[in-house]
Amino acid sequence: MKKLFVLLLVVCLLASGVLGFLLGRDGTIRKTVTAAATPAPAAATPAAAASTGGLDYDAIYALHDPDEIVMTVAGHEVPWSEYFYYLYRQGQSVESYFSSMAMYGMSADWTDEADEEGHSFAEFTVDSAESIARSLAGTMSFAEENGVTLSVEDLDAIEKKVQEDIVALCGEEGTRADLDQYLEEIRLPAALYDRMNEVSVLYQNGFTALYGENGEKMSDEEALAYLEQNGYLNANHILFMTLDAETYEDLDEETKAAKREQAAAIAAELQAIEDPEARLARFAELKEQFDEDTGKTLYPNGYIFQPGEMVAEFEEAVKAQEAFQVSDPVESAYGYHVIMTLPLTPDAVLDYSSSGAEMTARSTAANEAYAAAVDAYIEALEPVYAEGFEAPDLLSFVK
């Protein structure tokens, strides 16, 4: 449950119009925030209401002046308006979850457990406000400590994004004043919107400074270690399908037998080639001629995969072989596979981004290492609450 609501919180931030915050180069979320282990002390507020329903956000907002500094993280001051926004967005995600549960005839309320630590949804919402504040301030501080700044080009790119947001949210004739009004309507302080845009670029610049534009500063050894630690396997195959490619119904036994014989002949031919490079070249020729795998257009060089992602027979055959070794025909529900196990390489393509960019082992390992470094830095930060400030007891504001 905990991971679910952290994700919802990030989604809500993105949905607020700040589309760049905590996004990576290819548009994927590079890091998440985790709930604080201990929430701020609960304030003395009106008598608790029922624990179902939505929160009275206007009443919560009225507890403090918008500019009142309620928390300091890594030297960065957090005003009430910013802290409240985090409460508001997380609270809305919780309420959306309650509504979804109700649609399926189930119920949940603010007193129910929201995470593995036993925090209620009300407590978790307060925890998450602190976590987001720590994440934003911590990312800024991490950049500062690593000498990462915004260039003139970065500032121009941010301004271009603001203009795009204005058009998307306020229309072609919109102005910054119109955008600020929209932000006010969704309770997002304009200053926080601007800071989020800056932090998004600082985060990306930090990655470039430490690991290169596409992770090229990560060594071959580190990239290979990432692949091995995560159990990746690499293999290509020539598939003789024993299913109809359109209906996926079994072919007749005579056809299956012919395909089995053909697969065995090709396997024997490849196994007889002693030179690995020559075997690989001949494998490519035969694959082009005979392979019936419907995914060969997307994966012409085979599959790099983790345990459980391929059919068991395929995975076990790959594990049992050395690099460039070719299997006898391996039967699965799809047909007969002639499999060549391939070595893992630092720049092997593991996946593709939403934009179609290649995500190599090197770039993926670099992104995960960078996210882990920033996360560890943030987790080590201790927010300091302003004297006399107490986080609201949300149960007292349930309508």
Protein backbone atom coordinates (compact mmCIF):
# COMPACT_ATOMS: atom_id res chain seq x y z
CA MET A 1 0.00 0.00 0.00
CA LYS A 2 2.82 2.41 0.83
CA LYS A 3 4.34 2.31 -2.64
CA LEU A 4 0.92 2.80 -4.22
CA PHE A 5 0.30 6.07 -2.45
CA VAL A 6 3.79 7.41 -3.00
CA LEU A 7 3.14 6.89 -6.68
CA LEU A 8 -0.23 8.58 -6.48
CA LEU A 9 1.39 11.54 -4.78
CA VAL A 10 3.92 11.95 -7.57
CA VAL A 11 1.20 11.55 -10.19
CA CYS A 12 -0.80 14.29 -8.51
CA LEU A 13 2.18 16.61 -8.60
CA LEU A 14 2.61 15.97 -12.30
CA ALA A 15 -1.10 16.44 -12.94
CA SER A 16 -0.93 19.89 -11.37
CA GLY A 17 0.64 21.26 -14.52
CA VAL A 18 4.24 20.93 -13.44
CA LEU A 19 5.00 18.31 -16.04
CA GLY A 20 8.75 18.49 -15.73
CA PHE A 21 9.19 17.96 -12.00
CA LEU A 22 11.09 14.79 -11.13
CA LEU A 23 11.12 13.64 -14.73
CA GLY A 24 14.10 12.09 -16.45
CA ARG A 25 15.46 12.74 -19.91
CA ASP A 26 13.11 10.35 -21.62
CA GLY A 27 10.02 11.39 -19.65
CA THR A 28 10.16 8.59 -17.11
CA ILE A 29 10.08 9.25 -13.40
CA ARG A 30 13.67 8.91 -12.25
CA LYS A 31 13.09 9.00 -8.52
CA THR A 32 10.28 8.89 -6.01
CA VAL A 33 9.88 10.13 -2.50
CA THR A 34 9.26 7.99 0.53
CA ALA A 35 7.09 8.75 3.50
CA ALA A 36 8.88 10.10 6.56
CA ALA A 37 9.29 7.58 9.35
CA THR A 38 7.71 9.88 11.93
CA PRO A 39 5.09 12.56 11.26
CA ALA A 40 5.27 16.01 12.79
CA PRO A 41 3.44 16.39 16.11
CA ALA A 42 -0.31 16.65 15.66
CA ALA A 43 -1.85 20.02 16.45
CA ALA A 44 -4.66 20.62 18.88
CA THR A 45 -7.63 21.15 16.56
CA PRO A 46 -11.45 20.96 16.71
CA ALA A 47 -13.07 17.76 17.89
CA ALA A 48 -12.61 14.88 15.47
CA ALA A 49 -15.34 14.38 12.91
CA ALA A 50 -16.31 11.21 11.10
CA SER A 51 -13.36 9.52 9.45
CA THR A 52 -14.94 9.17 6.00
CA GLY A 53 -15.44 11.79 3.32
CA GLY A 54 -13.29 14.62 2.02
CA LEU A 55 -11.15 17.05 3.96
CA ASP A 56 -12.11 20.68 4.56
CA TYR A 57 -9.07 22.13 2.81
CA ASP A 58 -10.19 25.73 3.26
CA ALA A 59 -10.28 25.24 7.03
CA ILE A 60 -6.84 23.59 6.97
CA TYR A 61 -5.37 26.38 4.86
CA ALA A 62 -6.73 28.99 7.26
CA LEU A 63 -4.63 27.57 10.12
CA HIS A 64 -1.58 29.62 9.13
CA ASP A 65 -0.53 32.62 7.09
CA PRO A 66 0.53 31.53 3.57
CA ASP A 67 4.01 33.07 4.00
CA GLU A 68 4.64 31.67 7.46
CA ILE A 69 7.78 29.52 7.47
CA VAL A 70 6.81 26.17 8.95
CA MET A 71 9.87 24.08 8.14
CA THR A 72 13.48 24.38 7.08
CA VAL A 73 15.23 21.61 5.12
CA ALA A 74 18.92 21.79 4.20
CA GLY A 75 18.79 25.57 4.64
CA HIS A 76 15.72 25.95 2.40
CA GLU A 77 12.67 27.49 4.04
CA VAL A 78 9.24 25.97 3.43
CA PRO A 79 6.29 28.36 3.78
CA TRP A 80 2.86 27.17 4.85
CA SER A 81 1.43 27.66 1.34
CA GLU A 82 3.94 25.13 -0.03
CA TYR A 83 3.51 22.66 2.82
CA PHE A 84 -0.25 22.93 2.48
CA TYR A 85 -0.06 22.18 -1.25
CA TYR A 86 1.64 18.88 -0.54
CA LEU A 87 -1.05 18.02 2.01
CA TYR A 88 -3.72 18.99 -0.48
CA ARG A 89 -2.39 16.93 -3.38
CA GLN A 90 -1.77 13.83 -1.28
CA GLY A 91 -5.14 14.24 0.40
CA GLN A 92 -6.83 14.36 -2.98
CA SER A 93 -5.10 11.17 -4.09
CA VAL A 94 -6.35 9.44 -0.95
CA GLU A 95 -9.90 10.70 -1.55
CA SER A 96 -9.71 9.47 -5.15
CA TYR A 97 -8.72 6.06 -3.83
CA PHE A 98 -11.67 6.07 -1.43
CA SER A 99 -13.99 6.86 -4.35
CA SER A 100 -12.53 4.05 -6.42
CA MET A 101 -13.08 1.63 -3.55
CA ALA A 102 -16.69 2.75 -3.23
CA MET A 103 -17.31 2.08 -6.93
CA TYR A 104 -16.48 -1.57 -6.28
CA GLY A 105 -18.68 -1.78 -3.22
CA MET A 106 -15.78 -1.55 -0.76
CA SER A 107 -15.00 1.06 1.82
CA ALA A 108 -11.93 2.75 3.28
CA ASP A 109 -11.49 5.75 5.52
CA TRP A 110 -8.85 8.05 6.94
CA THR A 111 -8.24 5.83 9.97
CA ASP A 112 -7.41 2.71 7.90
CA GLU A 113 -3.80 1.59 7.55
CA ALA A 114 -2.13 3.06 4.47
CA ASP A 115 1.33 1.53 4.63
CA GLU A 116 3.35 -1.34 6.01
CA GLU A 117 4.33 0.67 9.07
CA GLY A 118 0.71 0.91 10.19
CA HIS A 119 0.22 4.63 9.54
CA SER A 120 -3.36 5.64 8.90
CA PHE A 121 -4.24 7.44 5.68
CA ALA A 122 -4.45 10.66 7.68
CA GLU A 123 -0.97 10.16 9.14
CA PHE A 124 0.42 9.06 5.82
CA THR A 125 -0.83 12.24 4.15
CA VAL A 126 1.01 14.34 6.74
CA ASP A 127 4.13 12.19 6.37
CA SER A 128 4.02 12.63 2.62
CA ALA A 129 3.87 16.43 2.88
CA GLU A 130 7.15 16.32 4.77
CA SER A 131 8.63 13.84 2.31
CA ILE A 132 7.89 16.01 -0.71
CA ALA A 133 9.28 19.09 1.04
CA ARG A 134 12.43 17.15 1.87
CA SER A 135 12.67 15.84 -1.69
CA LEU A 136 12.41 19.25 -3.34
CA ALA A 137 14.80 20.98 -0.93
CA GLY A 138 17.14 18.00 -0.87
CA THR A 139 17.41 17.87 -4.66
CA MET A 140 18.27 21.56 -4.71
CA SER A 141 20.85 21.13 -1.96
CA PHE A 142 22.38 18.06 -3.66
CA ALA A 143 22.85 20.12 -6.81
CA GLU A 144 24.44 22.95 -4.85
CA GLU A 145 26.90 20.63 -3.12
CA ASN A 146 27.93 19.17 -6.48
CA GLY A 147 28.39 22.56 -8.11
CA VAL A 148 25.41 22.08 -10.43
CA THR A 149 23.77 25.30 -11.62
CA LEU A 150 21.40 26.59 -14.27
CA SER A 151 22.91 27.96 -17.47
CA VAL A 152 21.45 30.72 -19.61
CA GLU A 153 20.28 28.00 -21.98
CA ASP A 154 18.57 26.22 -19.09
CA LEU A 155 16.73 29.38 -18.07
CA ASP A 156 15.62 29.88 -21.67
CA ALA A 157 14.37 26.27 -21.79
CA ILE A 158 12.45 26.77 -18.55
CA GLU A 159 10.84 29.92 -19.90
CA LYS A 160 9.89 28.05 -23.06
CA LYS A 161 8.24 25.37 -20.91
CA VAL A 162 6.34 28.04 -18.97
CA GLN A 163 5.05 29.47 -22.23
CA GLU A 164 3.99 26.00 -23.35
CA ASP A 165 2.14 25.53 -20.06
CA ILE A 166 0.42 28.87 -20.54
CA VAL A 167 -0.84 27.81 -23.97
CA ALA A 168 -1.84 24.34 -22.76
CA LEU A 169 -3.63 25.58 -19.64
CA CYS A 170 -4.83 29.06 -20.57
CA GLY A 171 -5.11 29.11 -24.34
CA GLU A 172 -3.18 30.72 -27.16
CA GLU A 173 -3.88 34.22 -25.84
CA GLY A 174 -2.97 33.36 -22.26
CA THR A 175 -0.49 35.33 -20.17
CA ARG A 176 1.67 34.61 -17.14
CA ALA A 177 -0.96 36.36 -15.05
CA ASP A 178 -3.53 33.88 -16.40
CA LEU A 179 -1.23 31.00 -15.50
CA ASP A 180 -0.74 32.35 -11.99
CA GLN A 181 -4.52 32.54 -11.59
CA TYR A 182 -4.85 28.94 -12.76
CA LEU A 183 -2.15 27.86 -10.32
CA GLU A 184 -3.99 29.63 -7.51
CA GLU A 185 -7.17 27.77 -8.42
CA ILE A 186 -5.40 24.42 -8.03
CA ARG A 187 -3.73 25.70 -4.82
CA LEU A 188 -0.22 25.55 -6.29
CA PRO A 189 1.87 28.59 -5.26
CA ALA A 190 3.39 30.27 -8.32
CA ALA A 191 6.78 30.40 -6.59
CA LEU A 192 6.65 26.65 -6.02
CA TYR A 193 5.72 26.07 -9.66
CA ASP A 194 8.80 28.03 -10.73
CA ARG A 195 11.02 26.20 -8.24
CA MET A 196 9.78 22.81 -9.44
CA ASN A 197 10.70 23.71 -13.00
CA GLU A 198 14.17 24.73 -11.87
CA VAL A 199 14.65 21.60 -9.76
CA SER A 200 13.68 19.40 -12.71
CA VAL A 201 16.52 20.88 -14.76
CA LEU A 202 18.95 20.83 -11.84
CA TYR A 203 18.22 17.15 -11.34
CA GLN A 204 18.97 16.42 -14.99
CA ASN A 205 22.08 18.60 -14.94
CA GLY A 206 23.31 16.74 -11.88
CA PHE A 207 23.02 13.47 -13.74
CA THR A 208 24.99 14.87 -16.66
CA ALA A 209 27.69 16.24 -14.36
CA LEU A 210 28.18 12.95 -12.53
CA TYR A 211 27.46 10.37 -15.23
CA GLY A 212 27.45 12.11 -18.61
CA GLU A 213 24.65 12.95 -21.00
CA ASN A 214 23.70 9.29 -21.50
CA GLY A 215 25.59 7.65 -18.66
CA GLU A 216 28.83 7.37 -20.62
CA LYS A 217 30.89 8.17 -17.52
CA MET A 218 29.79 4.87 -15.96
CA SER A 219 32.50 2.25 -16.50
CA ASP A 220 32.09 -1.00 -18.36
CA GLU A 221 32.69 -2.85 -15.10
CA GLU A 222 29.91 -0.97 -13.30
CA ALA A 223 27.44 -1.50 -16.16
CA LEU A 224 28.22 -5.21 -16.36
CA ALA A 225 27.93 -5.51 -12.58
CA TYR A 226 24.47 -3.94 -12.82
CA LEU A 227 23.41 -6.55 -15.38
CA GLU A 228 24.75 -9.43 -13.34
CA GLN A 229 23.32 -8.20 -10.04
CA ASN A 230 19.89 -7.93 -11.62
CA GLY A 231 20.07 -11.37 -13.24
CA TYR A 232 19.95 -10.25 -16.86
CA LEU A 233 20.40 -12.84 -19.61
CA ASN A 234 21.08 -12.28 -23.30
CA ALA A 235 20.11 -14.60 -26.14
CA ASN A 236 18.82 -14.77 -29.68
CA HIS A 237 16.79 -17.54 -31.26
CA ILE A 238 15.32 -18.90 -34.44
CA LEU A 239 11.73 -19.91 -33.75
CA PHE A 240 9.80 -22.49 -35.76
CA MET A 241 6.23 -21.86 -34.63
CA THR A 242 3.93 -24.80 -34.04
CA LEU A 243 0.98 -22.43 -33.67
CA ASP A 244 -0.89 -20.59 -36.38
CA ALA A 245 0.49 -17.04 -36.32
CA GLU A 246 -2.99 -15.52 -36.62
CA THR A 247 -5.26 -17.84 -34.63
CA TYR A 248 -2.62 -19.32 -32.29
CA GLU A 249 -4.21 -22.72 -32.79
CA ASP A 250 -1.96 -25.81 -32.92
CA LEU A 251 -0.68 -26.87 -36.31
CA ASP A 252 -1.17 -30.45 -37.42
CA GLU A 253 1.27 -33.10 -36.21
CA GLU A 254 2.84 -33.63 -39.62
CA THR A 255 3.72 -29.93 -39.92
CA LYS A 256 5.07 -29.90 -36.37
CA ALA A 257 7.31 -32.86 -37.13
CA ALA A 258 8.67 -31.18 -40.25
CA LYS A 259 9.49 -28.06 -38.29
CA ARG A 260 11.16 -30.10 -35.58
CA GLU A 261 13.35 -31.76 -38.19
CA GLN A 262 14.21 -28.42 -39.78
CA ALA A 263 15.11 -26.89 -36.40
CA ALA A 264 17.38 -29.86 -35.63
CA ALA A 265 19.18 -29.50 -38.97
CA ILE A 266 19.84 -25.80 -38.41
CA ALA A 267 21.00 -26.39 -34.83
CA ALA A 268 23.43 -29.06 -36.05
CA GLU A 269 24.80 -26.76 -38.76
CA LEU A 270 25.44 -23.96 -36.27
CA GLN A 271 26.94 -26.25 -33.65
CA ALA A 272 29.45 -27.52 -36.23
CA ILE A 273 30.90 -24.01 -36.75
CA GLU A 274 33.82 -23.66 -34.34
CA ASP A 275 34.62 -19.97 -34.70
CA PRO A 276 32.18 -17.93 -32.51
CA GLU A 277 32.14 -14.95 -34.87
CA ALA A 278 31.49 -17.13 -37.90
CA ARG A 279 28.76 -18.96 -35.98
CA LEU A 280 27.16 -15.63 -35.02
CA ALA A 281 27.24 -14.42 -38.62
CA ARG A 282 25.68 -17.64 -39.93
CA PHE A 283 23.08 -17.53 -37.16
CA ALA A 284 22.04 -14.06 -38.36
CA GLU A 285 21.64 -15.32 -41.92
CA LEU A 286 19.55 -18.29 -40.86
CA LYS A 287 17.44 -16.17 -38.54
CA GLU A 288 16.64 -13.80 -41.38
CA GLN A 289 15.60 -16.75 -43.53
CA PHE A 290 13.70 -18.99 -41.10
CA ASP A 291 12.73 -17.17 -37.89
CA GLU A 292 8.95 -17.03 -37.34
CA ASP A 293 9.04 -15.03 -34.09
CA THR A 294 6.43 -12.28 -34.38
CA GLY A 295 8.65 -10.04 -32.25
CA LYS A 296 11.72 -10.24 -34.47
CA THR A 297 11.06 -6.82 -36.01
CA LEU A 298 11.25 -5.17 -32.61
CA TYR A 299 14.03 -7.42 -31.31
CA PRO A 300 16.15 -8.39 -34.32
CA ASN A 301 19.23 -8.97 -32.16
CA GLY A 302 17.45 -11.13 -29.63
CA TYR A 303 16.29 -10.58 -26.09
CA ILE A 304 17.96 -9.19 -23.00
CA PHE A 305 15.74 -10.25 -20.14
CA GLN A 306 15.45 -10.95 -16.44
CA PRO A 307 14.29 -14.20 -14.84
CA GLY A 308 10.57 -14.80 -15.33
CA GLU A 309 10.18 -12.59 -18.40
CA MET A 310 10.50 -15.37 -20.99
CA VAL A 311 8.93 -18.81 -21.18
CA ALA A 312 10.64 -21.16 -18.73
CA GLU A 313 12.04 -23.51 -21.40
CA PHE A 314 13.75 -20.61 -23.17
CA GLU A 315 15.21 -19.18 -19.96
CA GLU A 316 16.56 -22.50 -18.73
CA ALA A 317 18.23 -23.23 -22.05
CA VAL A 318 19.95 -19.83 -22.03
CA LYS A 319 21.20 -20.36 -18.48
CA ALA A 320 22.60 -23.78 -19.34
CA GLN A 321 24.84 -22.50 -22.14
CA GLU A 322 28.07 -20.53 -22.48
CA ALA A 323 28.26 -17.41 -24.63
CA PHE A 324 27.84 -18.16 -28.37
CA GLN A 325 26.80 -21.76 -27.66
CA VAL A 326 23.81 -23.00 -29.69
CA SER A 327 21.15 -25.30 -28.27
CA ASP A 328 19.44 -28.31 -29.69
CA PRO A 329 15.80 -27.50 -30.52
CA VAL A 330 14.00 -26.41 -27.37
CA GLU A 331 10.26 -26.97 -27.34
CA SER A 332 7.87 -24.47 -25.75
CA ALA A 333 4.19 -23.68 -26.19
CA TYR A 334 5.17 -21.51 -29.18
CA GLY A 335 7.22 -24.05 -31.06
CA TYR A 336 10.85 -25.10 -31.47
CA HIS A 337 13.60 -22.64 -30.55
CA VAL A 338 17.20 -22.84 -31.72
CA ILE A 339 18.84 -20.63 -29.13
CA MET A 340 22.21 -18.89 -29.09
CA THR A 341 23.28 -17.55 -25.70
CA LEU A 342 25.02 -14.19 -26.05
CA PRO A 343 27.40 -12.32 -23.75
CA LEU A 344 26.21 -9.36 -21.71
CA THR A 345 27.61 -6.05 -22.90
CA PRO A 346 27.64 -2.60 -21.22
CA ASP A 347 25.73 -0.95 -24.03
CA ALA A 348 23.15 -3.67 -24.57
CA VAL A 349 19.70 -2.16 -25.10
CA LEU A 350 17.43 -3.16 -22.22
CA ASP A 351 14.35 -1.19 -23.21
CA TYR A 352 13.08 1.81 -25.11
CA SER A 353 11.73 5.05 -23.69
CA SER A 354 8.32 6.45 -24.60
CA SER A 355 10.11 8.61 -27.19
CA GLY A 356 11.79 5.57 -28.72
CA ALA A 357 15.25 6.30 -27.32
CA GLU A 358 17.41 3.31 -26.47
CA MET A 359 17.86 2.60 -22.76
CA THR A 360 21.17 0.74 -22.51
CA ALA A 361 22.58 -1.16 -19.57
CA ARG A 362 25.06 1.67 -19.05
CA SER A 363 22.47 4.47 -19.09
CA THR A 364 20.00 2.47 -16.99
CA ALA A 365 22.63 1.64 -14.38
CA ALA A 366 23.77 5.26 -14.32
CA ASN A 367 20.23 6.54 -13.83
CA GLU A 368 19.57 4.10 -10.99
CA ALA A 369 22.89 4.92 -9.33
CA TYR A 370 22.19 8.63 -9.58
CA ALA A 371 18.65 8.28 -8.24
CA ALA A 372 19.96 6.18 -5.36
CA ALA A 373 22.60 8.80 -4.53
CA VAL A 374 20.05 11.61 -4.50
CA ASP A 375 17.58 9.51 -2.49
CA ALA A 376 20.23 8.64 0.09
CA TYR A 377 21.13 12.32 0.40
CA ILE A 378 17.48 13.27 0.91
CA GLU A 379 16.85 10.49 3.41
CA ALA A 380 19.73 11.76 5.54
CA LEU A 381 18.20 15.22 5.84
CA GLU A 382 16.47 16.19 9.06
CA PRO A 383 13.74 18.80 8.57
CA VAL A 384 13.50 21.39 11.30
CA TYR A 385 9.98 22.54 12.12
CA ALA A 386 9.41 26.12 13.15
CA GLU A 387 8.99 26.65 16.87
CA GLY A 388 5.37 26.21 17.82
CA PHE A 389 4.33 24.66 14.51
CA GLU A 390 2.33 21.46 14.65
CA ALA A 391 1.07 19.53 11.65
CA PRO A 392 -2.73 19.47 11.45
CA ASP A 393 -4.69 16.50 12.77
CA LEU A 394 -6.49 15.74 9.52
CA LEU A 395 -9.17 13.64 11.21
CA SER A 396 -10.44 16.86 12.73
CA PHE A 397 -11.11 18.27 9.27
CA VAL A 398 -13.06 15.43 7.68
CA LYS A 399 -16.36 16.73 6.35
